[in-house]
Amino acid sequence: MPVNFAIWCVLHCNILYLLSFFPIQKGTISGMLGIVQVELQVDADGSLSLKRRLSGHQKPVFFVSWRPDDQQLLTCGLEEAVRRWDVSSGECLYVYEKVGVGMVSCAWSPDGQLIFSGTTDKSISMWDLRGKEVECWKGEWTVRISDLQVTNDGKQIITVCRHNTLVLLDREARAEKLIEEDEIVTSFSLSSDSKFLLVSLLNQEIHLWNVEGDVRLVAKYEGHKRRRFVVRTCFGGLDQGFIVSGSEDSQVYIWHRGSGKLIETLQGHTGAVNCVSWNPANHQMIASASDDRTIRIWGLNQVDMKHMETYCNGVAMEAVESSVGKLLKSSITDSGFSSIAFM
């Protein structure tokens, strides 16, 4: 077994539908409990504690986005409003809303000076920090429940424009690229370098698309279960070399990104696992949230941090040796693929 994760901590809570680690800091994770946004502190040993509770939404919180510097946080109430929070004080700095329409998603620009939101009339709005609507893209740009992300250069907005179609909207060139799937899109995740898009589908498949230049499908991942609920998926590990997903069979699934091989299932939850988050600052830590009303923190079991160099098909890889196997931490090539050897 190439990966050996163990449960470090279990926190009992209400049902969560989205988890997100701070992009920079090692120890803070955000989650949504009904109409309350919470921040949890994760210590080095995996123990969890409540750091802050953010109250103010009148409807369930369904979307969250960290500012790139981690100092502020956006939350979106379901078909309600977007709130901007100061992370250190917990103060709500501004509420973004439009008369007659509700918000369904939110995202930051890379410089943290602009805010994007999808709305119930299927348009996308761009706001400055003071609440002025700078621009609005009207038309069939988003569905009522949809993810929304912005590329690292700030030029492209990505969302689901039809149930089986994603759109990459170039806001400067006024051009668009479409990704058309055969099945309904339930959620998606953008890689940290903005070159790849991970798309979860109704038919229990996860598709990896290269969105740099001409879009093309480069990999598929299968094995997890999804029949009724939105089950979220994300990139993770060193160079985001792994794919992790929740599942309705109470397990967390991990694939190697390049080979598509299912390399681990994490057992411990007793209800559907709705969402997962792989810590970007600590590649040995994963968080999962489930209908069993728990958040679980997973970490590599008894890792001996002895590094070694190995080569497979001409690709250099760094291996971390554990007591029960070896997790190979590989570099991702421009095509999204890398070679891996299981020992």
C-alpha atoms as a PDB file:
ATOM      1  CA  MET A   1       0.000   0.000   0.000  1.00  0.00           C
ATOM      2  CA  PRO A   2       1.717   3.224  -1.118  1.00  0.00           C
ATOM      3  CA  VAL A   3      -0.162   5.539   1.252  1.00  0.00           C
ATOM      4  CA  ASN A   4      -0.960   4.855   4.887  1.00  0.00           C
ATOM      5  CA  PHE A   5      -3.200   7.423   6.572  1.00  0.00           C
ATOM      6  CA  ALA A   6      -4.501   7.210  10.116  1.00  0.00           C
ATOM      7  CA  ILE A   7      -7.195   9.225  11.905  1.00  0.00           C
ATOM      8  CA  TRP A   8      -5.556  11.908  14.022  1.00  0.00           C
ATOM      9  CA  CYS A   9      -8.681  13.590  15.389  1.00  0.00           C
ATOM     10  CA  VAL A  10     -12.485  13.461  15.267  1.00  0.00           C
ATOM     11  CA  LEU A  11     -14.622  16.536  15.995  1.00  0.00           C
ATOM     12  CA  HIS A  12     -18.373  16.154  16.490  1.00  0.00           C
ATOM     13  CA  CYS A  13     -20.429  18.944  14.906  1.00  0.00           C
ATOM     14  CA  ASN A  14     -23.432  19.644  12.701  1.00  0.00           C
ATOM     15  CA  ILE A  15     -23.450  18.465   9.085  1.00  0.00           C
ATOM     16  CA  LEU A  16     -20.897  20.290   6.900  1.00  0.00           C
ATOM     17  CA  TYR A  17     -21.064  20.612   3.127  1.00  0.00           C
ATOM     18  CA  LEU A  18     -17.754  22.362   2.449  1.00  0.00           C
ATOM     19  CA  LEU A  19     -14.308  22.499   4.060  1.00  0.00           C
ATOM     20  CA  SER A  20     -11.397  24.698   3.048  1.00  0.00           C
ATOM     21  CA  PHE A  21      -7.907  25.018   4.545  1.00  0.00           C
ATOM     22  CA  PHE A  22      -6.156  28.374   4.620  1.00  0.00           C
ATOM     23  CA  PRO A  23      -4.058  28.492   1.434  1.00  0.00           C
ATOM     24  CA  ILE A  24      -1.002  29.713   3.390  1.00  0.00           C
ATOM     25  CA  GLN A  25      -1.276  28.991   7.099  1.00  0.00           C
ATOM     26  CA  LYS A  26      -0.742  25.436   8.283  1.00  0.00           C
ATOM     27  CA  GLY A  27      -3.262  25.256  11.054  1.00  0.00           C
ATOM     28  CA  THR A  28      -6.643  26.790  10.223  1.00  0.00           C
ATOM     29  CA  ILE A  29      -9.555  25.230   8.393  1.00  0.00           C
ATOM     30  CA  SER A  30     -12.916  26.776   7.585  1.00  0.00           C
ATOM     31  CA  GLY A  31     -16.243  24.981   7.485  1.00  0.00           C
ATOM     32  CA  MET A  32     -19.946  25.751   7.327  1.00  0.00           C
ATOM     33  CA  LEU A  33     -22.451  24.707   9.959  1.00  0.00           C
ATOM     34  CA  GLY A  34     -25.899  25.711   8.766  1.00  0.00           C
ATOM     35  CA  ILE A  35     -26.100  29.527   8.761  1.00  0.00           C
ATOM     36  CA  VAL A  36     -22.905  29.846  10.803  1.00  0.00           C
ATOM     37  CA  GLN A  37     -19.391  29.989   9.366  1.00  0.00           C
ATOM     38  CA  VAL A  38     -16.753  28.523  11.677  1.00  0.00           C
ATOM     39  CA  GLU A  39     -12.962  28.523  11.748  1.00  0.00           C
ATOM     40  CA  LEU A  40     -11.176  25.588  13.346  1.00  0.00           C
ATOM     41  CA  GLN A  41      -7.609  25.462  14.613  1.00  0.00           C
ATOM     42  CA  VAL A  42      -5.704  22.292  13.704  1.00  0.00           C
ATOM     43  CA  ASP A  43      -2.636  21.688  15.858  1.00  0.00           C
ATOM     44  CA  ALA A  44       0.480  19.817  14.758  1.00  0.00           C
ATOM     45  CA  ASP A  45      -0.790  16.587  16.330  1.00  0.00           C
ATOM     46  CA  GLY A  46      -4.074  16.870  14.417  1.00  0.00           C
ATOM     47  CA  SER A  47      -6.230  17.994  17.363  1.00  0.00           C
ATOM     48  CA  LEU A  48      -9.087  20.372  16.519  1.00  0.00           C
ATOM     49  CA  SER A  49     -10.513  23.328  18.419  1.00  0.00           C
ATOM     50  CA  LEU A  50     -13.015  26.061  17.571  1.00  0.00           C
ATOM     51  CA  LYS A  51     -11.128  29.235  16.686  1.00  0.00           C
ATOM     52  CA  ARG A  52     -13.966  31.571  15.704  1.00  0.00           C
ATOM     53  CA  ARG A  53     -17.656  31.591  14.899  1.00  0.00           C
ATOM     54  CA  LEU A  54     -18.966  34.012  12.243  1.00  0.00           C
ATOM     55  CA  SER A  55     -22.701  34.707  12.471  1.00  0.00           C
ATOM     56  CA  GLY A  56     -24.884  36.913  10.305  1.00  0.00           C
ATOM     57  CA  HIS A  57     -26.279  34.926   7.385  1.00  0.00           C
ATOM     58  CA  GLN A  58     -30.014  34.333   7.405  1.00  0.00           C
ATOM     59  CA  LYS A  59     -29.833  31.327   5.076  1.00  0.00           C
ATOM     60  CA  PRO A  60     -27.496  28.320   4.924  1.00  0.00           C
ATOM     61  CA  VAL A  61     -23.922  29.207   3.988  1.00  0.00           C
ATOM     62  CA  PHE A  62     -23.122  27.352   0.786  1.00  0.00           C
ATOM     63  CA  PHE A  63     -19.867  28.848  -0.459  1.00  0.00           C
ATOM     64  CA  VAL A  64     -16.614  30.169   0.999  1.00  0.00           C
ATOM     65  CA  SER A  65     -13.524  31.807  -0.516  1.00  0.00           C
ATOM     66  CA  TRP A  66     -10.286  32.852   1.204  1.00  0.00           C
ATOM     67  CA  ARG A  67      -8.557  36.071   0.188  1.00  0.00           C
ATOM     68  CA  PRO A  68      -5.091  35.213  -1.222  1.00  0.00           C
ATOM     69  CA  ASP A  69      -3.343  36.808   1.792  1.00  0.00           C
ATOM     70  CA  ASP A  70      -5.591  34.846   4.212  1.00  0.00           C
ATOM     71  CA  GLN A  71      -6.582  38.020   6.064  1.00  0.00           C
ATOM     72  CA  GLN A  72     -10.184  38.107   4.860  1.00  0.00           C
ATOM     73  CA  LEU A  73     -12.879  35.594   4.003  1.00  0.00           C
ATOM     74  CA  LEU A  74     -15.946  35.608   1.746  1.00  0.00           C
ATOM     75  CA  THR A  75     -19.052  33.594   2.583  1.00  0.00           C
ATOM     76  CA  CYS A  76     -22.171  33.216   0.467  1.00  0.00           C
ATOM     77  CA  GLY A  77     -25.593  32.432   1.865  1.00  0.00           C
ATOM     78  CA  LEU A  78     -27.734  30.257  -0.393  1.00  0.00           C
ATOM     79  CA  GLU A  79     -29.534  32.687  -2.753  1.00  0.00           C
ATOM     80  CA  GLU A  80     -28.905  35.433  -0.195  1.00  0.00           C
ATOM     81  CA  ALA A  81     -25.849  37.724   0.107  1.00  0.00           C
ATOM     82  CA  VAL A  82     -22.056  37.601   0.117  1.00  0.00           C
ATOM     83  CA  ARG A  83     -20.355  38.699   3.333  1.00  0.00           C
ATOM     84  CA  ARG A  84     -16.727  39.784   3.685  1.00  0.00           C
ATOM     85  CA  TRP A  85     -15.093  39.032   7.046  1.00  0.00           C
ATOM     86  CA  ASP A  86     -11.944  40.103   8.836  1.00  0.00           C
ATOM     87  CA  VAL A  87     -10.329  36.821   9.885  1.00  0.00           C
ATOM     88  CA  SER A  88      -8.434  38.106  12.931  1.00  0.00           C
ATOM     89  CA  SER A  89     -11.369  39.938  14.570  1.00  0.00           C
ATOM     90  CA  GLY A  90     -14.367  38.060  13.131  1.00  0.00           C
ATOM     91  CA  GLU A  91     -15.952  41.371  12.096  1.00  0.00           C
ATOM     92  CA  CYS A  92     -18.197  41.500   9.037  1.00  0.00           C
ATOM     93  CA  LEU A  93     -16.625  44.233   6.883  1.00  0.00           C
ATOM     94  CA  TYR A  94     -19.244  44.429   4.129  1.00  0.00           C
ATOM     95  CA  VAL A  95     -22.367  42.750   2.760  1.00  0.00           C
ATOM     96  CA  TYR A  96     -22.678  42.480  -1.038  1.00  0.00           C
ATOM     97  CA  GLU A  97     -26.225  42.142  -2.327  1.00  0.00           C
ATOM     98  CA  LYS A  98     -28.476  43.108  -5.223  1.00  0.00           C
ATOM     99  CA  VAL A  99     -32.150  44.041  -5.141  1.00  0.00           C
ATOM    100  CA  GLY A 100     -34.347  41.287  -6.521  1.00  0.00           C
ATOM    101  CA  VAL A 101     -31.633  38.626  -6.954  1.00  0.00           C
ATOM    102  CA  GLY A 102     -29.730  36.346  -4.609  1.00  0.00           C
ATOM    103  CA  MET A 103     -26.076  35.311  -4.600  1.00  0.00           C
ATOM    104  CA  VAL A 104     -25.092  31.688  -5.290  1.00  0.00           C
ATOM    105  CA  SER A 105     -21.259  31.775  -5.300  1.00  0.00           C
ATOM    106  CA  CYS A 106     -18.257  34.011  -4.648  1.00  0.00           C
ATOM    107  CA  ALA A 107     -14.540  34.341  -5.440  1.00  0.00           C
ATOM    108  CA  TRP A 108     -11.616  36.759  -5.016  1.00  0.00           C
ATOM    109  CA  SER A 109      -9.435  38.303  -7.692  1.00  0.00           C
ATOM    110  CA  PRO A 110      -5.756  37.280  -7.298  1.00  0.00           C
ATOM    111  CA  ASP A 111      -4.803  40.700  -5.895  1.00  0.00           C
ATOM    112  CA  GLY A 112      -7.613  40.621  -3.337  1.00  0.00           C
ATOM    113  CA  GLN A 113      -9.091  43.913  -4.565  1.00  0.00           C
ATOM    114  CA  LEU A 114     -12.108  42.616  -6.482  1.00  0.00           C
ATOM    115  CA  ILE A 115     -14.910  40.199  -5.650  1.00  0.00           C
ATOM    116  CA  PHE A 116     -16.894  38.050  -8.075  1.00  0.00           C
ATOM    117  CA  SER A 117     -20.326  36.582  -7.421  1.00  0.00           C
ATOM    118  CA  GLY A 118     -22.774  34.413  -9.320  1.00  0.00           C
ATOM    119  CA  THR A 119     -26.426  35.406  -8.977  1.00  0.00           C
ATOM    120  CA  THR A 120     -29.812  33.741  -9.281  1.00  0.00           C
ATOM    121  CA  ASP A 121     -30.545  35.577 -12.566  1.00  0.00           C
ATOM    122  CA  LYS A 122     -27.582  33.599 -14.050  1.00  0.00           C
ATOM    123  CA  SER A 123     -25.307  36.630 -14.369  1.00  0.00           C
ATOM    124  CA  ILE A 124     -21.870  37.242 -12.830  1.00  0.00           C
ATOM    125  CA  SER A 125     -21.085  40.466 -10.952  1.00  0.00           C
ATOM    126  CA  MET A 126     -17.710  42.030 -10.154  1.00  0.00           C
ATOM    127  CA  TRP A 127     -17.455  44.293  -7.082  1.00  0.00           C
ATOM    128  CA  ASP A 128     -14.844  46.528  -5.531  1.00  0.00           C
ATOM    129  CA  LEU A 129     -14.228  46.248  -1.795  1.00  0.00           C
ATOM    130  CA  ARG A 130     -16.547  49.187  -1.025  1.00  0.00           C
ATOM    131  CA  GLY A 131     -19.507  47.416  -2.590  1.00  0.00           C
ATOM    132  CA  LYS A 132     -19.646  49.165  -5.971  1.00  0.00           C
ATOM    133  CA  GLU A 133     -20.639  46.835  -8.798  1.00  0.00           C
ATOM    134  CA  VAL A 134     -17.822  47.449 -11.278  1.00  0.00           C
ATOM    135  CA  GLU A 135     -19.083  45.143 -14.018  1.00  0.00           C
ATOM    136  CA  CYS A 136     -21.838  42.635 -14.678  1.00  0.00           C
ATOM    137  CA  TRP A 137     -21.883  39.873 -17.264  1.00  0.00           C
ATOM    138  CA  LYS A 138     -25.552  39.266 -18.042  1.00  0.00           C
ATOM    139  CA  GLY A 139     -26.851  36.153 -19.744  1.00  0.00           C
ATOM    140  CA  GLU A 140     -26.651  32.412 -19.231  1.00  0.00           C
ATOM    141  CA  TRP A 141     -23.353  32.436 -17.317  1.00  0.00           C
ATOM    142  CA  THR A 142     -24.167  30.395 -14.236  1.00  0.00           C
ATOM    143  CA  VAL A 143     -26.741  27.979 -12.851  1.00  0.00           C
ATOM    144  CA  ARG A 144     -28.491  28.514  -9.533  1.00  0.00           C
ATOM    145  CA  ILE A 145     -26.142  26.228  -7.606  1.00  0.00           C
ATOM    146  CA  SER A 146     -22.644  26.390  -9.049  1.00  0.00           C
ATOM    147  CA  ASP A 147     -18.986  26.732  -8.136  1.00  0.00           C
ATOM    148  CA  LEU A 148     -17.139  29.874  -9.212  1.00  0.00           C
ATOM    149  CA  GLN A 149     -13.363  30.285  -9.502  1.00  0.00           C
ATOM    150  CA  VAL A 150     -10.910  32.801 -10.963  1.00  0.00           C
ATOM    151  CA  THR A 151      -7.558  31.900 -12.551  1.00  0.00           C
ATOM    152  CA  ASN A 152      -4.282  33.098 -11.023  1.00  0.00           C
ATOM    153  CA  ASP A 153      -3.807  35.831 -13.626  1.00  0.00           C
ATOM    154  CA  GLY A 154      -7.290  37.185 -12.913  1.00  0.00           C
ATOM    155  CA  LYS A 155      -8.277  37.008 -16.559  1.00  0.00           C
ATOM    156  CA  GLN A 156     -10.621  34.020 -16.613  1.00  0.00           C
ATOM    157  CA  ILE A 157     -13.777  33.317 -14.621  1.00  0.00           C
ATOM    158  CA  ILE A 158     -14.827  29.661 -14.469  1.00  0.00           C
ATOM    159  CA  THR A 159     -18.342  28.495 -13.679  1.00  0.00           C
ATOM    160  CA  VAL A 160     -21.074  26.070 -14.784  1.00  0.00           C
ATOM    161  CA  CYS A 161     -23.215  27.802 -17.412  1.00  0.00           C
ATOM    162  CA  ARG A 162     -25.443  24.799 -18.189  1.00  0.00           C
ATOM    163  CA  HIS A 163     -25.945  21.610 -16.234  1.00  0.00           C
ATOM    164  CA  ASN A 164     -23.393  19.701 -18.315  1.00  0.00           C
ATOM    165  CA  THR A 165     -21.225  22.609 -19.506  1.00  0.00           C
ATOM    166  CA  LEU A 166     -18.506  24.695 -17.902  1.00  0.00           C
ATOM    167  CA  VAL A 167     -17.466  28.064 -19.272  1.00  0.00           C
ATOM    168  CA  LEU A 168     -14.073  29.769 -19.048  1.00  0.00           C
ATOM    169  CA  LEU A 169     -14.893  33.445 -19.571  1.00  0.00           C
ATOM    170  CA  ASP A 170     -11.977  35.688 -20.556  1.00  0.00           C
ATOM    171  CA  ARG A 171     -13.168  38.974 -19.102  1.00  0.00           C
ATOM    172  CA  GLU A 172     -10.570  41.088 -20.945  1.00  0.00           C
ATOM    173  CA  ALA A 173     -10.809  39.533 -24.422  1.00  0.00           C
ATOM    174  CA  ARG A 174     -14.567  39.016 -24.077  1.00  0.00           C
ATOM    175  CA  ALA A 175     -14.043  35.462 -25.305  1.00  0.00           C
ATOM    176  CA  GLU A 176     -15.141  32.142 -23.914  1.00  0.00           C
ATOM    177  CA  LYS A 177     -14.106  28.489 -23.948  1.00  0.00           C
ATOM    178  CA  LEU A 178     -16.542  25.687 -23.174  1.00  0.00           C
ATOM    179  CA  ILE A 179     -16.069  22.276 -21.599  1.00  0.00           C
ATOM    180  CA  GLU A 180     -19.011  20.072 -22.522  1.00  0.00           C
ATOM    181  CA  GLU A 181     -19.533  16.867 -20.564  1.00  0.00           C
ATOM    182  CA  ASP A 182     -21.980  14.060 -21.352  1.00  0.00           C
ATOM    183  CA  GLU A 183     -23.236  14.046 -17.749  1.00  0.00           C
ATOM    184  CA  ILE A 184     -24.432  16.684 -15.277  1.00  0.00           C
ATOM    185  CA  VAL A 185     -21.598  18.566 -13.535  1.00  0.00           C
ATOM    186  CA  THR A 186     -22.015  18.508  -9.741  1.00  0.00           C
ATOM    187  CA  SER A 187     -18.879  20.461  -8.717  1.00  0.00           C
ATOM    188  CA  PHE A 188     -15.389  21.383  -9.893  1.00  0.00           C
ATOM    189  CA  SER A 189     -11.989  22.380  -8.500  1.00  0.00           C
ATOM    190  CA  LEU A 190      -9.197  24.454 -10.084  1.00  0.00           C
ATOM    191  CA  SER A 191      -5.557  23.454  -9.596  1.00  0.00           C
ATOM    192  CA  SER A 192      -3.247  25.870  -7.776  1.00  0.00           C
ATOM    193  CA  ASP A 193      -1.446  26.723 -11.032  1.00  0.00           C
ATOM    194  CA  SER A 194      -4.790  27.302 -12.843  1.00  0.00           C
ATOM    195  CA  LYS A 195      -3.800  24.851 -15.593  1.00  0.00           C
ATOM    196  CA  PHE A 196      -6.119  21.964 -14.705  1.00  0.00           C
ATOM    197  CA  LEU A 197      -9.761  21.602 -13.798  1.00  0.00           C
ATOM    198  CA  LEU A 198     -11.155  18.683 -11.815  1.00  0.00           C
ATOM    199  CA  VAL A 199     -14.815  18.058 -12.699  1.00  0.00           C
ATOM    200  CA  SER A 200     -17.146  15.805 -10.688  1.00  0.00           C
ATOM    201  CA  LEU A 201     -20.034  14.268 -12.618  1.00  0.00           C
ATOM    202  CA  LEU A 202     -23.407  12.733 -11.844  1.00  0.00           C
ATOM    203  CA  ASN A 203     -22.321   9.343 -13.239  1.00  0.00           C
ATOM    204  CA  GLN A 204     -19.709   8.865 -10.471  1.00  0.00           C
ATOM    205  CA  GLU A 205     -16.749   9.851 -12.641  1.00  0.00           C
ATOM    206  CA  ILE A 206     -14.191  12.591 -12.012  1.00  0.00           C
ATOM    207  CA  HIS A 207     -12.597  14.148 -15.098  1.00  0.00           C
ATOM    208  CA  LEU A 208      -9.299  16.040 -15.246  1.00  0.00           C
ATOM    209  CA  TRP A 209      -9.157  18.723 -17.959  1.00  0.00           C
ATOM    210  CA  ASN A 210      -6.131  20.672 -19.139  1.00  0.00           C
ATOM    211  CA  VAL A 211      -7.482  24.227 -19.575  1.00  0.00           C
ATOM    212  CA  GLU A 212      -4.250  25.907 -20.638  1.00  0.00           C
ATOM    213  CA  GLY A 213      -4.644  26.765 -24.324  1.00  0.00           C
ATOM    214  CA  ASP A 214      -7.021  24.388 -26.065  1.00  0.00           C
ATOM    215  CA  VAL A 215      -9.005  22.449 -23.470  1.00  0.00           C
ATOM    216  CA  ARG A 216      -8.592  18.676 -23.492  1.00  0.00           C
ATOM    217  CA  LEU A 217      -9.516  15.749 -21.279  1.00  0.00           C
ATOM    218  CA  VAL A 218      -6.384  14.131 -19.816  1.00  0.00           C
ATOM    219  CA  ALA A 219      -7.567  11.682 -17.117  1.00  0.00           C
ATOM    220  CA  LYS A 220     -10.555   9.991 -15.473  1.00  0.00           C
ATOM    221  CA  TYR A 221     -10.953   8.722 -11.895  1.00  0.00           C
ATOM    222  CA  GLU A 222     -13.533   6.172 -10.794  1.00  0.00           C
ATOM    223  CA  GLY A 223     -14.475   4.112  -7.746  1.00  0.00           C
ATOM    224  CA  HIS A 224     -16.203   6.512  -5.356  1.00  0.00           C
ATOM    225  CA  LYS A 225     -19.985   6.501  -4.890  1.00  0.00           C
ATOM    226  CA  ARG A 226     -22.298   9.430  -5.667  1.00  0.00           C
ATOM    227  CA  ARG A 227     -25.999   8.976  -6.278  1.00  0.00           C
ATOM    228  CA  ARG A 228     -27.995  11.705  -4.524  1.00  0.00           C
ATOM    229  CA  PHE A 229     -25.732  14.383  -3.033  1.00  0.00           C
ATOM    230  CA  VAL A 230     -23.026  16.823  -4.083  1.00  0.00           C
ATOM    231  CA  VAL A 231     -19.724  15.147  -3.169  1.00  0.00           C
ATOM    232  CA  ARG A 232     -16.697  17.414  -3.483  1.00  0.00           C
ATOM    233  CA  THR A 233     -13.270  16.580  -4.841  1.00  0.00           C
ATOM    234  CA  CYS A 234      -9.916  18.381  -4.705  1.00  0.00           C
ATOM    235  CA  PHE A 235      -6.228  18.254  -5.645  1.00  0.00           C
ATOM    236  CA  GLY A 236      -3.641  17.551  -2.939  1.00  0.00           C
ATOM    237  CA  GLY A 237      -0.202  16.411  -1.930  1.00  0.00           C
ATOM    238  CA  LEU A 238       3.189  17.620  -3.125  1.00  0.00           C
ATOM    239  CA  ASP A 239       2.765  19.415  -6.478  1.00  0.00           C
ATOM    240  CA  GLN A 240      -0.906  18.435  -6.156  1.00  0.00           C
ATOM    241  CA  GLY A 241       0.065  14.964  -7.343  1.00  0.00           C
ATOM    242  CA  PHE A 242      -3.020  13.285  -5.867  1.00  0.00           C
ATOM    243  CA  ILE A 243      -6.804  13.522  -6.182  1.00  0.00           C
ATOM    244  CA  VAL A 244      -9.023  13.095  -3.111  1.00  0.00           C
ATOM    245  CA  SER A 245     -12.811  12.803  -2.993  1.00  0.00           C
ATOM    246  CA  GLY A 246     -15.627  12.209  -0.582  1.00  0.00           C
ATOM    247  CA  SER A 247     -18.123   9.429  -1.236  1.00  0.00           C
ATOM    248  CA  GLU A 248     -21.626   8.349  -0.263  1.00  0.00           C
ATOM    249  CA  ASP A 249     -20.300   4.999   0.999  1.00  0.00           C
ATOM    250  CA  SER A 250     -18.719   6.772   4.009  1.00  0.00           C
ATOM    251  CA  GLN A 251     -15.152   6.575   2.693  1.00  0.00           C
ATOM    252  CA  VAL A 252     -12.508   9.006   1.451  1.00  0.00           C
ATOM    253  CA  TYR A 253     -10.916   8.022  -1.881  1.00  0.00           C
ATOM    254  CA  ILE A 254      -7.374   8.922  -2.999  1.00  0.00           C
ATOM    255  CA  TRP A 255      -6.014   8.472  -6.542  1.00  0.00           C
ATOM    256  CA  HIS A 256      -2.599   9.129  -8.016  1.00  0.00           C
ATOM    257  CA  ARG A 257      -3.180  12.021 -10.374  1.00  0.00           C
ATOM    258  CA  GLY A 258      -0.882  10.898 -13.181  1.00  0.00           C
ATOM    259  CA  SER A 259      -1.658   7.187 -13.373  1.00  0.00           C
ATOM    260  CA  GLY A 260      -5.329   7.405 -12.349  1.00  0.00           C
ATOM    261  CA  LYS A 261      -4.771   4.485  -9.972  1.00  0.00           C
ATOM    262  CA  LEU A 262      -6.889   4.323  -6.812  1.00  0.00           C
ATOM    263  CA  ILE A 263      -4.246   4.024  -4.095  1.00  0.00           C
ATOM    264  CA  GLU A 264      -6.160   4.385  -0.807  1.00  0.00           C
ATOM    265  CA  THR A 265      -9.618   4.446   0.769  1.00  0.00           C
ATOM    266  CA  LEU A 266      -9.905   5.935   4.248  1.00  0.00           C
ATOM    267  CA  GLN A 267     -12.520   4.297   6.461  1.00  0.00           C
ATOM    268  CA  GLY A 268     -13.953   5.738   9.646  1.00  0.00           C
ATOM    269  CA  HIS A 269     -16.994   7.859   8.820  1.00  0.00           C
ATOM    270  CA  THR A 270     -20.456   6.328   9.227  1.00  0.00           C
ATOM    271  CA  GLY A 271     -22.300   8.637   6.811  1.00  0.00           C
ATOM    272  CA  ALA A 272     -21.782  10.118   3.357  1.00  0.00           C
ATOM    273  CA  VAL A 273     -18.564  12.136   3.122  1.00  0.00           C
ATOM    274  CA  ASN A 274     -19.658  15.446   1.594  1.00  0.00           C
ATOM    275  CA  CYS A 275     -16.387  17.297   1.303  1.00  0.00           C
ATOM    276  CA  VAL A 276     -12.637  16.956   1.670  1.00  0.00           C
ATOM    277  CA  SER A 277      -9.702  19.361   1.861  1.00  0.00           C
ATOM    278  CA  TRP A 278      -6.001  18.523   1.532  1.00  0.00           C
ATOM    279  CA  ASN A 279      -3.854  20.919   3.545  1.00  0.00           C
ATOM    280  CA  PRO A 280      -1.742  22.926   1.026  1.00  0.00           C
ATOM    281  CA  ALA A 281       0.852  23.797   3.681  1.00  0.00           C
ATOM    282  CA  ASN A 282       1.084  20.313   5.213  1.00  0.00           C
ATOM    283  CA  HIS A 283       0.968  17.634   2.519  1.00  0.00           C
ATOM    284  CA  GLN A 284       0.453  14.893   5.115  1.00  0.00           C
ATOM    285  CA  MET A 285      -2.907  16.229   6.372  1.00  0.00           C
ATOM    286  CA  ILE A 286      -6.412  15.743   4.964  1.00  0.00           C
ATOM    287  CA  ALA A 287      -9.726  16.899   6.454  1.00  0.00           C
ATOM    288  CA  SER A 288     -13.089  15.293   5.690  1.00  0.00           C
ATOM    289  CA  ALA A 289     -16.644  16.167   6.769  1.00  0.00           C
ATOM    290  CA  SER A 290     -19.597  13.812   6.760  1.00  0.00           C
ATOM    291  CA  ASP A 291     -23.316  13.400   7.311  1.00  0.00           C
ATOM    292  CA  ASP A 292     -22.336  11.519  10.477  1.00  0.00           C
ATOM    293  CA  ARG A 293     -21.775  15.006  11.970  1.00  0.00           C
ATOM    294  CA  THR A 294     -18.020  14.651  12.345  1.00  0.00           C
ATOM    295  CA  ILE A 295     -14.920  16.279  10.892  1.00  0.00           C
ATOM    296  CA  ARG A 296     -11.973  13.904  10.694  1.00  0.00           C
ATOM    297  CA  ILE A 297      -8.336  14.896  10.349  1.00  0.00           C
ATOM    298  CA  TRP A 298      -6.169  12.280   8.636  1.00  0.00           C
ATOM    299  CA  GLY A 299      -2.379  12.120   8.661  1.00  0.00           C
ATOM    300  CA  LEU A 300       0.383   9.817   7.466  1.00  0.00           C
ATOM    301  CA  ASN A 301       0.866   7.010   9.970  1.00  0.00           C
ATOM    302  CA  GLN A 302       4.293   6.666  11.621  1.00  0.00           C
ATOM    303  CA  VAL A 303       6.248   8.395   8.903  1.00  0.00           C
ATOM    304  CA  ASP A 304      10.014   8.067   8.952  1.00  0.00           C
ATOM    305  CA  MET A 305      11.124  11.256   7.210  1.00  0.00           C
ATOM    306  CA  LYS A 306      14.002   9.609   5.375  1.00  0.00           C
ATOM    307  CA  HIS A 307      14.202  10.920   1.828  1.00  0.00           C
ATOM    308  CA  MET A 308      15.651   9.166  -1.126  1.00  0.00           C
ATOM    309  CA  GLU A 309      15.883   9.752  -4.842  1.00  0.00           C
ATOM    310  CA  THR A 310      14.548   7.256  -7.328  1.00  0.00           C
ATOM    311  CA  TYR A 311      13.771   7.326 -11.021  1.00  0.00           C
ATOM    312  CA  CYS A 312      10.961   5.790 -13.018  1.00  0.00           C
ATOM    313  CA  ASN A 313      10.614   6.313 -16.770  1.00  0.00           C
ATOM    314  CA  GLY A 314      13.084   9.155 -16.592  1.00  0.00           C
ATOM    315  CA  VAL A 315      11.103  11.190 -14.018  1.00  0.00           C
ATOM    316  CA  ALA A 316      12.841  12.054 -10.763  1.00  0.00           C
ATOM    317  CA  MET A 317      10.827  11.314  -7.635  1.00  0.00           C
ATOM    318  CA  GLU A 318      11.375  11.875  -3.948  1.00  0.00           C
ATOM    319  CA  ALA A 319      10.153   9.084  -1.686  1.00  0.00           C
ATOM    320  CA  VAL A 320       9.116   9.280   1.938  1.00  0.00           C
ATOM    321  CA  GLU A 321       9.585   5.937   3.673  1.00  0.00           C
ATOM    322  CA  SER A 322       7.002   4.900   6.261  1.00  0.00           C
ATOM    323  CA  SER A 323       6.807   1.888   8.538  1.00  0.00           C
ATOM    324  CA  VAL A 324       4.292   0.135   6.266  1.00  0.00           C
ATOM    325  CA  GLY A 325       5.169   1.364   2.814  1.00  0.00           C
ATOM    326  CA  LYS A 326       6.419   4.271   0.794  1.00  0.00           C
ATOM    327  CA  LEU A 327       4.516   7.302  -0.409  1.00  0.00           C
ATOM    328  CA  LEU A 328       6.214   8.563  -3.537  1.00  0.00           C
ATOM    329  CA  LYS A 329       6.014  12.320  -3.904  1.00  0.00           C
ATOM    330  CA  SER A 330       6.380  13.024  -7.604  1.00  0.00           C
ATOM    331  CA  SER A 331       6.721  16.080  -9.800  1.00  0.00           C
ATOM    332  CA  ILE A 332       3.882  16.890 -12.188  1.00  0.00           C
ATOM    333  CA  THR A 333       4.808  17.554 -15.812  1.00  0.00           C
ATOM    334  CA  ASP A 334       3.213  20.216 -18.004  1.00  0.00           C
ATOM    335  CA  SER A 335       0.748  17.662 -19.371  1.00  0.00           C
ATOM    336  CA  GLY A 336      -0.468  16.854 -15.867  1.00  0.00           C
ATOM    337  CA  PHE A 337       1.087  13.397 -15.821  1.00  0.00           C
ATOM    338  CA  SER A 338       4.026  11.954 -13.965  1.00  0.00           C
ATOM    339  CA  SER A 339       5.481   8.521 -13.456  1.00  0.00           C
ATOM    340  CA  ILE A 340       5.197   6.694 -10.155  1.00  0.00           C
ATOM    341  CA  ALA A 341       6.537   3.415  -8.818  1.00  0.00           C
ATOM    342  CA  PHE A 342       4.853   1.615  -5.909  1.00  0.00           C
ATOM    343  CA  MET A 343       7.220  -0.193  -3.541  1.00  0.00           C
END
